[in-house]
Amino acid sequence: MLPVTMFGTGSTSSTRAVSCLGKTRVSRALQQDGMRSCRTVHNQLMKEGSTHSLSTTRRLIKAVGYKASTLRYGQMVRAVNKEKRLAFCRSLIEKDDRLSGIIFTDESSISLEISKPGPST
């Protein structure tokens, strides 16, 4: 009889199917904290005796219905500053200012003058 693994049966074919046992373990791990990383879930499953790879853990997480995503950086704006920012934006809208006098850059250096070397003496 073939051993039961996270893939299903321990057959020699390279199957990508995941077993109900694997889904149950991953689902239980994610119910404790749904914001865990894939590696954290994988490490917990390893402590419980699983012997599958990290990519298998990713497949199991996807099979359970979770979607992997990363947090994006965003500046935090305090409530006091939100009110000031809103007032500023409203004043710009009232003035019909199109911000035409502002140059936006990507934090690169801009040279507004061309400097040429003078004649050698």
PDB file of N, CA and C in Angstrom:
ATOM      1  N   MET A   1       0.844  -1.179   0.000  1.00  0.00           N
ATOM      2  CA  MET A   1       0.000   0.000   0.000  1.00  0.00           C
ATOM      3  C   MET A   1       0.888   1.241   0.000  1.00  0.00           C
ATOM      4  N   LEU A   2       0.492   2.257  -0.753  1.00  0.00           N
ATOM      5  CA  LEU A   2       1.270   3.482  -0.878  1.00  0.00           C
ATOM      6  C   LEU A   2       1.012   4.408   0.305  1.00  0.00           C
ATOM      7  N   PRO A   3       2.032   5.124   0.781  1.00  0.00           N
ATOM      8  CA  PRO A   3       1.828   6.048   1.895  1.00  0.00           C
ATOM      9  C   PRO A   3       1.030   7.273   1.456  1.00  0.00           C
ATOM     10  N   VAL A   4       0.302   7.836   2.386  1.00  0.00           N
ATOM     11  CA  VAL A   4      -0.482   9.043   2.105  1.00  0.00           C
ATOM     12  C   VAL A   4       0.387  10.250   2.408  1.00  0.00           C
ATOM     13  N   THR A   5       0.502  11.142   1.440  1.00  0.00           N
ATOM     14  CA  THR A   5       1.296  12.360   1.608  1.00  0.00           C
ATOM     15  C   THR A   5       0.395  13.570   1.406  1.00  0.00           C
ATOM     16  N   MET A   6       0.996  14.749   1.410  1.00  0.00           N
ATOM     17  CA  MET A   6       0.219  15.963   1.176  1.00  0.00           C
ATOM     18  C   MET A   6      -0.304  16.021  -0.251  1.00  0.00           C
ATOM     19  N   PHE A   7       0.328  15.261  -1.170  1.00  0.00           N
ATOM     20  CA  PHE A   7      -0.121  15.240  -2.551  1.00  0.00           C
ATOM     21  C   PHE A   7      -1.304  14.307  -2.756  1.00  0.00           C
ATOM     22  N   GLY A   8      -1.475  13.359  -1.926  1.00  0.00           N
ATOM     23  CA  GLY A   8      -2.461  12.301  -2.104  1.00  0.00           C
ATOM     24  C   GLY A   8      -1.775  10.998  -1.766  1.00  0.00           C
ATOM     25  N   THR A   9      -1.732  10.075  -2.714  1.00  0.00           N
ATOM     26  CA  THR A   9      -1.013   8.825  -2.477  1.00  0.00           C
ATOM     27  C   THR A   9       0.442   9.000  -2.842  1.00  0.00           C
ATOM     28  N   GLY A  10       1.283   8.130  -2.357  1.00  0.00           N
ATOM     29  CA  GLY A  10       2.713   8.227  -2.600  1.00  0.00           C
ATOM     30  C   GLY A  10       3.133   7.612  -3.916  1.00  0.00           C
ATOM     31  N   SER A  11       2.419   7.868  -4.980  1.00  0.00           N
ATOM     32  CA  SER A  11       2.755   7.299  -6.282  1.00  0.00           C
ATOM     33  C   SER A  11       4.008   7.952  -6.837  1.00  0.00           C
ATOM     34  N   THR A  12       4.628   7.291  -7.788  1.00  0.00           N
ATOM     35  CA  THR A  12       5.862   7.808  -8.365  1.00  0.00           C
ATOM     36  C   THR A  12       5.602   8.843  -9.448  1.00  0.00           C
ATOM     37  N   SER A  13       4.378   8.952  -9.920  1.00  0.00           N
ATOM     38  CA  SER A  13       4.087   9.958 -10.947  1.00  0.00           C
ATOM     39  C   SER A  13       4.119  11.348 -10.323  1.00  0.00           C
ATOM     40  N   SER A  14       4.446  12.323 -11.140  1.00  0.00           N
ATOM     41  CA  SER A  14       4.557  13.687 -10.613  1.00  0.00           C
ATOM     42  C   SER A  14       3.189  14.358 -10.660  1.00  0.00           C
ATOM     43  N   THR A  15       2.355  14.028  -9.724  1.00  0.00           N
ATOM     44  CA  THR A  15       1.014  14.602  -9.672  1.00  0.00           C
ATOM     45  C   THR A  15       1.035  15.935  -8.935  1.00  0.00           C
ATOM     46  N   ARG A  16       0.164  16.839  -9.334  1.00  0.00           N
ATOM     47  CA  ARG A  16       0.077  18.145  -8.686  1.00  0.00           C
ATOM     48  C   ARG A  16      -1.191  18.248  -7.834  1.00  0.00           C
ATOM     49  N   ALA A  17      -1.935  17.175  -7.755  1.00  0.00           N
ATOM     50  CA  ALA A  17      -3.149  17.197  -6.949  1.00  0.00           C
ATOM     51  C   ALA A  17      -2.791  17.252  -5.470  1.00  0.00           C
ATOM     52  N   VAL A  18      -3.627  17.893  -4.704  1.00  0.00           N
ATOM     53  CA  VAL A  18      -3.395  17.974  -3.262  1.00  0.00           C
ATOM     54  C   VAL A  18      -4.463  17.164  -2.547  1.00  0.00           C
ATOM     55  N   SER A  19      -4.110  16.629  -1.412  1.00  0.00           N
ATOM     56  CA  SER A  19      -5.030  15.757  -0.696  1.00  0.00           C
ATOM     57  C   SER A  19      -5.930  16.554   0.238  1.00  0.00           C
ATOM     58  N   CYS A  20      -7.000  15.911   0.660  1.00  0.00           N
ATOM     59  CA  CYS A  20      -7.901  16.524   1.638  1.00  0.00           C
ATOM     60  C   CYS A  20      -7.193  16.710   2.971  1.00  0.00           C
ATOM     61  N   LEU A  21      -6.290  15.795   3.307  1.00  0.00           N
ATOM     62  CA  LEU A  21      -5.528  15.899   4.549  1.00  0.00           C
ATOM     63  C   LEU A  21      -4.677  17.165   4.540  1.00  0.00           C
ATOM     64  N   GLY A  22      -4.000  17.426   3.428  1.00  0.00           N
ATOM     65  CA  GLY A  22      -3.179  18.628   3.315  1.00  0.00           C
ATOM     66  C   GLY A  22      -4.012  19.889   3.397  1.00  0.00           C
ATOM     67  N   LYS A  23      -5.162  19.896   2.728  1.00  0.00           N
ATOM     68  CA  LYS A  23      -6.050  21.062   2.778  1.00  0.00           C
ATOM     69  C   LYS A  23      -6.545  21.304   4.194  1.00  0.00           C
ATOM     70  N   THR A  24      -6.874  20.227   4.897  1.00  0.00           N
ATOM     71  CA  THR A  24      -7.368  20.355   6.269  1.00  0.00           C
ATOM     72  C   THR A  24      -6.305  20.954   7.175  1.00  0.00           C
ATOM     73  N   ARG A  25      -5.071  20.475   7.052  1.00  0.00           N
ATOM     74  CA  ARG A  25      -3.990  20.992   7.901  1.00  0.00           C
ATOM     75  C   ARG A  25      -3.719  22.470   7.627  1.00  0.00           C
ATOM     76  N   VAL A  26      -3.679  22.839   6.353  1.00  0.00           N
ATOM     77  CA  VAL A  26      -3.418  24.236   5.999  1.00  0.00           C
ATOM     78  C   VAL A  26      -4.580  25.117   6.437  1.00  0.00           C
ATOM     79  N   SER A  27      -5.790  24.652   6.223  1.00  0.00           N
ATOM     80  CA  SER A  27      -6.963  25.423   6.633  1.00  0.00           C
ATOM     81  C   SER A  27      -6.959  25.666   8.133  1.00  0.00           C
ATOM     82  N   ARG A  28      -6.602  24.639   8.900  1.00  0.00           N
ATOM     83  CA  ARG A  28      -6.536  24.775  10.361  1.00  0.00           C
ATOM     84  C   ARG A  28      -5.451  25.776  10.762  1.00  0.00           C
ATOM     85  N   ALA A  29      -4.313  25.725  10.074  1.00  0.00           N
ATOM     86  CA  ALA A  29      -3.215  26.648  10.389  1.00  0.00           C
ATOM     87  C   ALA A  29      -3.597  28.090  10.071  1.00  0.00           C
ATOM     88  N   LEU A  30      -4.337  28.296   8.981  1.00  0.00           N
ATOM     89  CA  LEU A  30      -4.708  29.655   8.589  1.00  0.00           C
ATOM     90  C   LEU A  30      -5.895  30.191   9.381  1.00  0.00           C
ATOM     91  N   GLN A  31      -6.705  29.309   9.968  1.00  0.00           N
ATOM     92  CA  GLN A  31      -7.813  29.774  10.795  1.00  0.00           C
ATOM     93  C   GLN A  31      -7.306  30.425  12.072  1.00  0.00           C
ATOM     94  N   GLN A  32      -6.147  30.009  12.540  1.00  0.00           N
ATOM     95  CA  GLN A  32      -5.560  30.623  13.729  1.00  0.00           C
ATOM     96  C   GLN A  32      -5.178  32.065  13.439  1.00  0.00           C
ATOM     97  N   ASP A  33      -4.612  32.307  12.259  1.00  0.00           N
ATOM     98  CA  ASP A  33      -4.216  33.656  11.858  1.00  0.00           C
ATOM     99  C   ASP A  33      -4.134  33.682  10.339  1.00  0.00           C
ATOM    100  N   GLY A  34      -5.096  34.310   9.702  1.00  0.00           N
ATOM    101  CA  GLY A  34      -5.159  34.355   8.249  1.00  0.00           C
ATOM    102  C   GLY A  34      -4.130  35.252   7.601  1.00  0.00           C
ATOM    103  N   MET A  35      -3.410  36.039   8.400  1.00  0.00           N
ATOM    104  CA  MET A  35      -2.413  36.963   7.859  1.00  0.00           C
ATOM    105  C   MET A  35      -0.996  36.385   7.936  1.00  0.00           C
ATOM    106  N   ARG A  36      -0.873  35.109   8.155  1.00  0.00           N
ATOM    107  CA  ARG A  36       0.445  34.482   8.263  1.00  0.00           C
ATOM    108  C   ARG A  36       1.082  34.363   6.892  1.00  0.00           C
ATOM    109  N   SER A  37       2.391  34.369   6.884  1.00  0.00           N
ATOM    110  CA  SER A  37       3.109  34.179   5.626  1.00  0.00           C
ATOM    111  C   SER A  37       3.108  32.695   5.268  1.00  0.00           C
ATOM    112  N   CYS A  38       3.367  32.429   4.010  1.00  0.00           N
ATOM    113  CA  CYS A  38       3.431  31.044   3.537  1.00  0.00           C
ATOM    114  C   CYS A  38       4.532  30.284   4.267  1.00  0.00           C
ATOM    115  N   ARG A  39       5.652  30.944   4.476  1.00  0.00           N
ATOM    116  CA  ARG A  39       6.776  30.293   5.156  1.00  0.00           C
ATOM    117  C   ARG A  39       6.412  29.951   6.605  1.00  0.00           C
ATOM    118  N   THR A  40       5.669  30.818   7.281  1.00  0.00           N
ATOM    119  CA  THR A  40       5.257  30.547   8.661  1.00  0.00           C
ATOM    120  C   THR A  40       4.332  29.337   8.717  1.00  0.00           C
ATOM    121  N   VAL A  41       3.380  29.279   7.793  1.00  0.00           N
ATOM    122  CA  VAL A  41       2.478  28.123   7.728  1.00  0.00           C
ATOM    123  C   VAL A  41       3.281  26.862   7.426  1.00  0.00           C
ATOM    124  N   HIS A  42       4.214  26.960   6.501  1.00  0.00           N
ATOM    125  CA  HIS A  42       5.054  25.810   6.138  1.00  0.00           C
ATOM    126  C   HIS A  42       5.850  25.311   7.346  1.00  0.00           C
ATOM    127  N   ASN A  43       6.438  26.244   8.100  1.00  0.00           N
ATOM    128  CA  ASN A  43       7.215  25.848   9.286  1.00  0.00           C
ATOM    129  C   ASN A  43       6.339  25.153  10.321  1.00  0.00           C
ATOM    130  N   GLN A  44       5.101  25.635  10.500  1.00  0.00           N
ATOM    131  CA  GLN A  44       4.196  24.988  11.447  1.00  0.00           C
ATOM    132  C   GLN A  44       3.868  23.571  10.983  1.00  0.00           C
ATOM    133  N   LEU A  45       3.621  23.411   9.693  1.00  0.00           N
ATOM    134  CA  LEU A  45       3.314  22.080   9.175  1.00  0.00           C
ATOM    135  C   LEU A  45       4.511  21.141   9.313  1.00  0.00           C
ATOM    136  N   MET A  46       5.716  21.672   9.161  1.00  0.00           N
ATOM    137  CA  MET A  46       6.929  20.862   9.345  1.00  0.00           C
ATOM    138  C   MET A  46       7.041  20.383  10.796  1.00  0.00           C
ATOM    139  N   LYS A  47       6.705  21.269  11.751  1.00  0.00           N
ATOM    140  CA  LYS A  47       6.739  20.880  13.167  1.00  0.00           C
ATOM    141  C   LYS A  47       5.717  19.791  13.465  1.00  0.00           C
ATOM    142  N   GLU A  48       4.616  19.783  12.708  1.00  0.00           N
ATOM    143  CA  GLU A  48       3.576  18.774  12.903  1.00  0.00           C
ATOM    144  C   GLU A  48       3.907  17.462  12.196  1.00  0.00           C
ATOM    145  N   GLY A  49       5.036  17.421  11.482  1.00  0.00           N
ATOM    146  CA  GLY A  49       5.460  16.171  10.871  1.00  0.00           C
ATOM    147  C   GLY A  49       5.314  16.087   9.364  1.00  0.00           C
ATOM    148  N   SER A  50       4.911  17.136   8.710  1.00  0.00           N
ATOM    149  CA  SER A  50       4.805  17.113   7.249  1.00  0.00           C
ATOM    150  C   SER A  50       6.192  17.148   6.628  1.00  0.00           C
ATOM    151  N   THR A  51       6.307  16.570   5.454  1.00  0.00           N
ATOM    152  CA  THR A  51       7.612  16.504   4.793  1.00  0.00           C
ATOM    153  C   THR A  51       7.551  17.035   3.365  1.00  0.00           C
ATOM    154  N   HIS A  52       6.689  17.966   3.096  1.00  0.00           N
ATOM    155  CA  HIS A  52       6.561  18.490   1.740  1.00  0.00           C
ATOM    156  C   HIS A  52       7.331  19.805   1.587  1.00  0.00           C
ATOM    157  N   SER A  53       7.432  20.281   0.367  1.00  0.00           N
ATOM    158  CA  SER A  53       8.215  21.482   0.076  1.00  0.00           C
ATOM    159  C   SER A  53       7.384  22.750   0.295  1.00  0.00           C
ATOM    160  N   LEU A  54       8.079  23.876   0.247  1.00  0.00           N
ATOM    161  CA  LEU A  54       7.425  25.175   0.394  1.00  0.00           C
ATOM    162  C   LEU A  54       6.469  25.440  -0.767  1.00  0.00           C
ATOM    163  N   SER A  55       6.840  25.012  -1.962  1.00  0.00           N
ATOM    164  CA  SER A  55       5.950  25.215  -3.114  1.00  0.00           C
ATOM    165  C   SER A  55       4.661  24.410  -2.960  1.00  0.00           C
ATOM    166  N   THR A  56       4.741  23.254  -2.328  1.00  0.00           N
ATOM    167  CA  THR A  56       3.534  22.470  -2.058  1.00  0.00           C
ATOM    168  C   THR A  56       2.650  23.195  -1.056  1.00  0.00           C
ATOM    169  N   THR A  57       3.258  23.817  -0.051  1.00  0.00           N
ATOM    170  CA  THR A  57       2.482  24.606   0.905  1.00  0.00           C
ATOM    171  C   THR A  57       1.764  25.737   0.182  1.00  0.00           C
ATOM    172  N   ARG A  58       2.449  26.380  -0.756  1.00  0.00           N
ATOM    173  CA  ARG A  58       1.809  27.454  -1.529  1.00  0.00           C
ATOM    174  C   ARG A  58       0.616  26.921  -2.322  1.00  0.00           C
ATOM    175  N   ARG A  59       0.777  25.753  -2.945  1.00  0.00           N
ATOM    176  CA  ARG A  59      -0.328  25.148  -3.691  1.00  0.00           C
ATOM    177  C   ARG A  59      -1.490  24.803  -2.775  1.00  0.00           C
ATOM    178  N   LEU A  60      -1.178  24.294  -1.580  1.00  0.00           N
ATOM    179  CA  LEU A  60      -2.232  23.943  -0.628  1.00  0.00           C
ATOM    180  C   LEU A  60      -2.984  25.190  -0.168  1.00  0.00           C
ATOM    181  N   ILE A  61      -2.251  26.268   0.100  1.00  0.00           N
ATOM    182  CA  ILE A  61      -2.889  27.517   0.529  1.00  0.00           C
ATOM    183  C   ILE A  61      -3.821  28.023  -0.566  1.00  0.00           C
ATOM    184  N   LYS A  62      -3.372  27.935  -1.807  1.00  0.00           N
ATOM    185  CA  LYS A  62      -4.206  28.359  -2.934  1.00  0.00           C
ATOM    186  C   LYS A  62      -5.427  27.453  -3.073  1.00  0.00           C
ATOM    187  N   ALA A  63      -5.249  26.150  -2.863  1.00  0.00           N
ATOM    188  CA  ALA A  63      -6.353  25.197  -2.979  1.00  0.00           C
ATOM    189  C   ALA A  63      -7.411  25.417  -1.909  1.00  0.00           C
ATOM    190  N   VAL A  64      -6.991  25.894  -0.738  1.00  0.00           N
ATOM    191  CA  VAL A  64      -7.932  26.161   0.348  1.00  0.00           C
ATOM    192  C   VAL A  64      -8.762  27.412   0.049  1.00  0.00           C
ATOM    193  N   GLY A  65      -8.220  28.309  -0.780  1.00  0.00           N
ATOM    194  CA  GLY A  65      -8.981  29.493  -1.162  1.00  0.00           C
ATOM    195  C   GLY A  65      -8.357  30.808  -0.750  1.00  0.00           C
ATOM    196  N   TYR A  66      -7.173  30.768  -0.173  1.00  0.00           N
ATOM    197  CA  TYR A  66      -6.481  32.000   0.199  1.00  0.00           C
ATOM    198  C   TYR A  66      -5.664  32.500  -0.981  1.00  0.00           C
ATOM    199  N   LYS A  67      -5.446  33.796  -1.014  1.00  0.00           N
ATOM    200  CA  LYS A  67      -4.658  34.406  -2.081  1.00  0.00           C
ATOM    201  C   LYS A  67      -3.452  35.095  -1.468  1.00  0.00           C
ATOM    202  N   ALA A  68      -2.291  34.829  -2.016  1.00  0.00           N
ATOM    203  CA  ALA A  68      -1.070  35.449  -1.507  1.00  0.00           C
ATOM    204  C   ALA A  68      -0.996  36.898  -1.976  1.00  0.00           C
ATOM    205  N   SER A  69      -0.627  37.772  -1.077  1.00  0.00           N
ATOM    206  CA  SER A  69      -0.441  39.176  -1.427  1.00  0.00           C
ATOM    207  C   SER A  69       0.574  39.777  -0.474  1.00  0.00           C
ATOM    208  N   THR A  70       1.107  40.909  -0.876  1.00  0.00           N
ATOM    209  CA  THR A  70       2.072  41.597  -0.032  1.00  0.00           C
ATOM    210  C   THR A  70       1.525  42.955   0.348  1.00  0.00           C
ATOM    211  N   LEU A  71       1.985  43.450   1.475  1.00  0.00           N
ATOM    212  CA  LEU A  71       1.572  44.770   1.910  1.00  0.00           C
ATOM    213  C   LEU A  71       2.313  45.819   1.112  1.00  0.00           C
ATOM    214  N   ARG A  72       1.641  46.892   0.819  1.00  0.00           N
ATOM    215  CA  ARG A  72       2.275  47.993   0.117  1.00  0.00           C
ATOM    216  C   ARG A  72       2.506  49.131   1.085  1.00  0.00           C
ATOM    217  N   TYR A  73       3.620  49.823   0.862  1.00  0.00           N
ATOM    218  CA  TYR A  73       3.967  50.937   1.729  1.00  0.00           C
ATOM    219  C   TYR A  73       3.050  52.115   1.438  1.00  0.00           C
ATOM    220  N   GLY A  74       2.588  52.747   2.462  1.00  0.00           N
ATOM    221  CA  GLY A  74       1.792  53.959   2.332  1.00  0.00           C
ATOM    222  C   GLY A  74       2.011  54.826   3.551  1.00  0.00           C
ATOM    223  N   GLN A  75       2.107  56.112   3.330  1.00  0.00           N
ATOM    224  CA  GLN A  75       2.330  57.006   4.453  1.00  0.00           C
ATOM    225  C   GLN A  75       1.059  57.124   5.283  1.00  0.00           C
ATOM    226  N   MET A  76       1.244  57.148   6.574  1.00  0.00           N
ATOM    227  CA  MET A  76       0.120  57.308   7.481  1.00  0.00           C
ATOM    228  C   MET A  76      -0.163  58.796   7.650  1.00  0.00           C
ATOM    229  N   VAL A  77      -1.417  59.169   7.533  1.00  0.00           N
ATOM    230  CA  VAL A  77      -1.812  60.562   7.678  1.00  0.00           C
ATOM    231  C   VAL A  77      -2.694  60.664   8.914  1.00  0.00           C
ATOM    232  N   ARG A  78      -2.279  61.517   9.848  1.00  0.00           N
ATOM    233  CA  ARG A  78      -3.066  61.687  11.065  1.00  0.00           C
ATOM    234  C   ARG A  78      -4.356  62.443  10.757  1.00  0.00           C
ATOM    235  N   ALA A  79      -5.342  62.313  11.643  1.00  0.00           N
ATOM    236  CA  ALA A  79      -6.650  62.931  11.426  1.00  0.00           C
ATOM    237  C   ALA A  79      -6.539  64.447  11.300  1.00  0.00           C
ATOM    238  N   VAL A  80      -5.674  65.065  12.105  1.00  0.00           N
ATOM    239  CA  VAL A  80      -5.504  66.520  12.045  1.00  0.00           C
ATOM    240  C   VAL A  80      -4.971  66.921  10.671  1.00  0.00           C
ATOM    241  N   ASN A  81      -4.001  66.173  10.171  1.00  0.00           N
ATOM    242  CA  ASN A  81      -3.426  66.489   8.865  1.00  0.00           C
ATOM    243  C   ASN A  81      -4.392  66.189   7.723  1.00  0.00           C
ATOM    244  N   LYS A  82      -5.275  65.216   7.898  1.00  0.00           N
ATOM    245  CA  LYS A  82      -6.276  64.935   6.872  1.00  0.00           C
ATOM    246  C   LYS A  82      -7.187  66.136   6.675  1.00  0.00           C
ATOM    247  N   GLU A  83      -7.589  66.751   7.781  1.00  0.00           N
ATOM    248  CA  GLU A  83      -8.463  67.922   7.694  1.00  0.00           C
ATOM    249  C   GLU A  83      -7.752  69.070   6.993  1.00  0.00           C
ATOM    250  N   LYS A  84      -6.480  69.297   7.332  1.00  0.00           N
ATOM    251  CA  LYS A  84      -5.712  70.370   6.701  1.00  0.00           C
ATOM    252  C   LYS A  84      -5.517  70.090   5.213  1.00  0.00           C
ATOM    253  N   ARG A  85      -5.235  68.857   4.873  1.00  0.00           N
ATOM    254  CA  ARG A  85      -5.034  68.491   3.474  1.00  0.00           C
ATOM    255  C   ARG A  85      -6.316  68.665   2.675  1.00  0.00           C
ATOM    256  N   LEU A  86      -7.437  68.273   3.270  1.00  0.00           N
ATOM    257  CA  LEU A  86      -8.725  68.423   2.608  1.00  0.00           C
ATOM    258  C   LEU A  86      -9.047  69.895   2.378  1.00  0.00           C
ATOM    259  N   ALA A  87      -8.791  70.733   3.381  1.00  0.00           N
ATOM    260  CA  ALA A  87      -9.032  72.175   3.234  1.00  0.00           C
ATOM    261  C   ALA A  87      -8.148  72.759   2.132  1.00  0.00           C
ATOM    262  N   PHE A  88      -6.890  72.342   2.066  1.00  0.00           N
ATOM    263  CA  PHE A  88      -5.973  72.822   1.036  1.00  0.00           C
ATOM    264  C   PHE A  88      -6.459  72.420  -0.355  1.00  0.00           C
ATOM    265  N   CYS A  89      -6.871  71.171  -0.511  1.00  0.00           N
ATOM    266  CA  CYS A  89      -7.346  70.696  -1.812  1.00  0.00           C
ATOM    267  C   CYS A  89      -8.618  71.417  -2.236  1.00  0.00           C
ATOM    268  N   ARG A  90      -9.501  71.654  -1.292  1.00  0.00           N
ATOM    269  CA  ARG A  90     -10.730  72.395  -1.621  1.00  0.00           C
ATOM    270  C   ARG A  90     -10.411  73.820  -2.053  1.00  0.00           C
ATOM    271  N   SER A  91      -9.426  74.452  -1.405  1.00  0.00           N
ATOM    272  CA  SER A  91      -9.059  75.814  -1.806  1.00  0.00           C
ATOM    273  C   SER A  91      -8.467  75.817  -3.218  1.00  0.00           C
ATOM    274  N   LEU A  92      -7.714  74.781  -3.584  1.00  0.00           N
ATOM    275  CA  LEU A  92      -7.190  74.689  -4.949  1.00  0.00           C
ATOM    276  C   LEU A  92      -8.311  74.516  -5.967  1.00  0.00           C
ATOM    277  N   ILE A  93      -9.309  73.718  -5.610  1.00  0.00           N
ATOM    278  CA  ILE A  93     -10.437  73.506  -6.514  1.00  0.00           C
ATOM    279  C   ILE A  93     -11.209  74.802  -6.703  1.00  0.00           C
ATOM    280  N   GLU A  94     -11.401  75.555  -5.623  1.00  0.00           N
ATOM    281  CA  GLU A  94     -12.124  76.826  -5.715  1.00  0.00           C
ATOM    282  C   GLU A  94     -11.378  77.828  -6.585  1.00  0.00           C
ATOM    283  N   LYS A  95     -10.046  77.832  -6.510  1.00  0.00           N
ATOM    284  CA  LYS A  95      -9.235  78.755  -7.307  1.00  0.00           C
ATOM    285  C   LYS A  95      -9.110  78.281  -8.756  1.00  0.00           C
ATOM    286  N   ASP A  96      -9.511  77.047  -9.029  1.00  0.00           N
ATOM    287  CA  ASP A  96      -9.344  76.418 -10.333  1.00  0.00           C
ATOM    288  C   ASP A  96      -7.871  76.365 -10.708  1.00  0.00           C
ATOM    289  N   ASP A  97      -7.044  76.110  -9.724  1.00  0.00           N
ATOM    290  CA  ASP A  97      -5.610  76.007  -9.940  1.00  0.00           C
ATOM    291  C   ASP A  97      -5.295  74.618 -10.491  1.00  0.00           C
ATOM    292  N   ARG A  98      -4.677  74.562 -11.630  1.00  0.00           N
ATOM    293  CA  ARG A  98      -4.355  73.287 -12.281  1.00  0.00           C
ATOM    294  C   ARG A  98      -2.952  72.812 -11.951  1.00  0.00           C
ATOM    295  N   LEU A  99      -2.327  73.437 -10.974  1.00  0.00           N
ATOM    296  CA  LEU A  99      -0.987  73.058 -10.549  1.00  0.00           C
ATOM    297  C   LEU A  99       0.007  73.130 -11.710  1.00  0.00           C
ATOM    298  N   SER A 100      -0.195  74.097 -12.608  1.00  0.00           N
ATOM    299  CA  SER A 100       0.657  74.201 -13.793  1.00  0.00           C
ATOM    300  C   SER A 100       2.051  74.724 -13.470  1.00  0.00           C
ATOM    301  N   GLY A 101       2.237  75.352 -12.323  1.00  0.00           N
ATOM    302  CA  GLY A 101       3.540  75.889 -11.976  1.00  0.00           C
ATOM    303  C   GLY A 101       4.401  74.930 -11.181  1.00  0.00           C
ATOM    304  N   ILE A 102       4.001  73.661 -11.078  1.00  0.00           N
ATOM    305  CA  ILE A 102       4.731  72.686 -10.270  1.00  0.00           C
ATOM    306  C   ILE A 102       5.371  71.653 -11.184  1.00  0.00           C
ATOM    307  N   ILE A 103       6.621  71.338 -10.908  1.00  0.00           N
ATOM    308  CA  ILE A 103       7.326  70.298 -11.658  1.00  0.00           C
ATOM    309  C   ILE A 103       7.435  69.074 -10.757  1.00  0.00           C
ATOM    310  N   PHE A 104       6.929  67.953 -11.227  1.00  0.00           N
ATOM    311  CA  PHE A 104       7.022  66.704 -10.486  1.00  0.00           C
ATOM    312  C   PHE A 104       8.206  65.909 -11.019  1.00  0.00           C
ATOM    313  N   THR A 105       9.019  65.383 -10.121  1.00  0.00           N
ATOM    314  CA  THR A 105      10.172  64.584 -10.529  1.00  0.00           C
ATOM    315  C   THR A 105      10.130  63.235  -9.829  1.00  0.00           C
ATOM    316  N   ASP A 106      11.003  62.379 -10.248  1.00  0.00           N
ATOM    317  CA  ASP A 106      11.107  61.063  -9.634  1.00  0.00           C
ATOM    318  C   ASP A 106      12.347  60.977  -8.753  1.00  0.00           C
ATOM    319  N   GLU A 107      12.643  62.044  -8.062  1.00  0.00           N
ATOM    320  CA  GLU A 107      13.773  62.153  -7.137  1.00  0.00           C
ATOM    321  C   GLU A 107      15.118  62.017  -7.848  1.00  0.00           C
ATOM    322  N   SER A 108      15.145  62.328  -9.132  1.00  0.00           N
ATOM    323  CA  SER A 108      16.421  62.322  -9.841  1.00  0.00           C
ATOM    324  C   SER A 108      16.946  63.752  -9.930  1.00  0.00           C
ATOM    325  N   SER A 109      18.226  63.887 -10.176  1.00  0.00           N
ATOM    326  CA  SER A 109      18.836  65.212 -10.265  1.00  0.00           C
ATOM    327  C   SER A 109      18.537  65.828 -11.621  1.00  0.00           C
ATOM    328  N   ILE A 110      18.175  67.085 -11.603  1.00  0.00           N
ATOM    329  CA  ILE A 110      17.873  67.807 -12.831  1.00  0.00           C
ATOM    330  C   ILE A 110      18.778  69.024 -12.884  1.00  0.00           C
ATOM    331  N   SER A 111      19.456  69.182 -13.990  1.00  0.00           N
ATOM    332  CA  SER A 111      20.315  70.344 -14.179  1.00  0.00           C
ATOM    333  C   SER A 111      19.613  71.299 -15.132  1.00  0.00           C
ATOM    334  N   LEU A 112      19.354  72.529 -14.676  1.00  0.00           N
ATOM    335  CA  LEU A 112      18.665  73.506 -15.502  1.00  0.00           C
ATOM    336  C   LEU A 112      19.639  74.348 -16.315  1.00  0.00           C
ATOM    337  N   GLU A 113      20.907  74.263 -16.052  1.00  0.00           N
ATOM    338  CA  GLU A 113      21.913  75.011 -16.789  1.00  0.00           C
ATOM    339  C   GLU A 113      22.911  74.034 -17.380  1.00  0.00           C
ATOM    340  N   ILE A 114      23.416  74.389 -18.531  1.00  0.00           N
ATOM    341  CA  ILE A 114      24.437  73.567 -19.163  1.00  0.00           C
ATOM    342  C   ILE A 114      25.780  74.224 -18.893  1.00  0.00           C
ATOM    343  N   SER A 115      26.662  73.502 -18.306  1.00  0.00           N
ATOM    344  CA  SER A 115      27.990  74.055 -18.034  1.00  0.00           C
ATOM    345  C   SER A 115      28.978  73.449 -19.014  1.00  0.00           C
ATOM    346  N   LYS A 116      29.612  74.325 -19.778  1.00  0.00           N
ATOM    347  CA  LYS A 116      30.615  73.890 -20.750  1.00  0.00           C
ATOM    348  C   LYS A 116      31.976  74.336 -20.261  1.00  0.00           C
ATOM    349  N   PRO A 117      32.951  73.530 -20.473  1.00  0.00           N
ATOM    350  CA  PRO A 117      34.293  73.954 -20.069  1.00  0.00           C
ATOM    351  C   PRO A 117      34.757  75.118 -20.943  1.00  0.00           C
ATOM    352  N   GLY A 118      35.397  76.095 -20.319  1.00  0.00           N
ATOM    353  CA  GLY A 118      35.900  77.259 -21.042  1.00  0.00           C
ATOM    354  C   GLY A 118      37.200  76.948 -21.751  1.00  0.00           C
ATOM    355  N   PRO A 119      37.687  77.909 -22.514  1.00  0.00           N
ATOM    356  CA  PRO A 119      38.950  77.687 -23.219  1.00  0.00           C
ATOM    357  C   PRO A 119      40.098  77.561 -22.235  1.00  0.00           C
ATOM    358  N   SER A 120      41.008  76.697 -22.548  1.00  0.00           N
ATOM    359  CA  SER A 120      42.178  76.485 -21.688  1.00  0.00           C
ATOM    360  C   SER A 120      43.174  77.612 -21.899  1.00  0.00           C
ATOM    361  N   THR A 121      43.735  78.100 -20.832  1.00  0.00           N
ATOM    362  CA  THR A 121      44.743  79.163 -20.945  1.00  0.00           C
ATOM    363  C   THR A 121      46.070  78.712 -20.449  1.00  0.00           C
TER     364      THR A 121
END
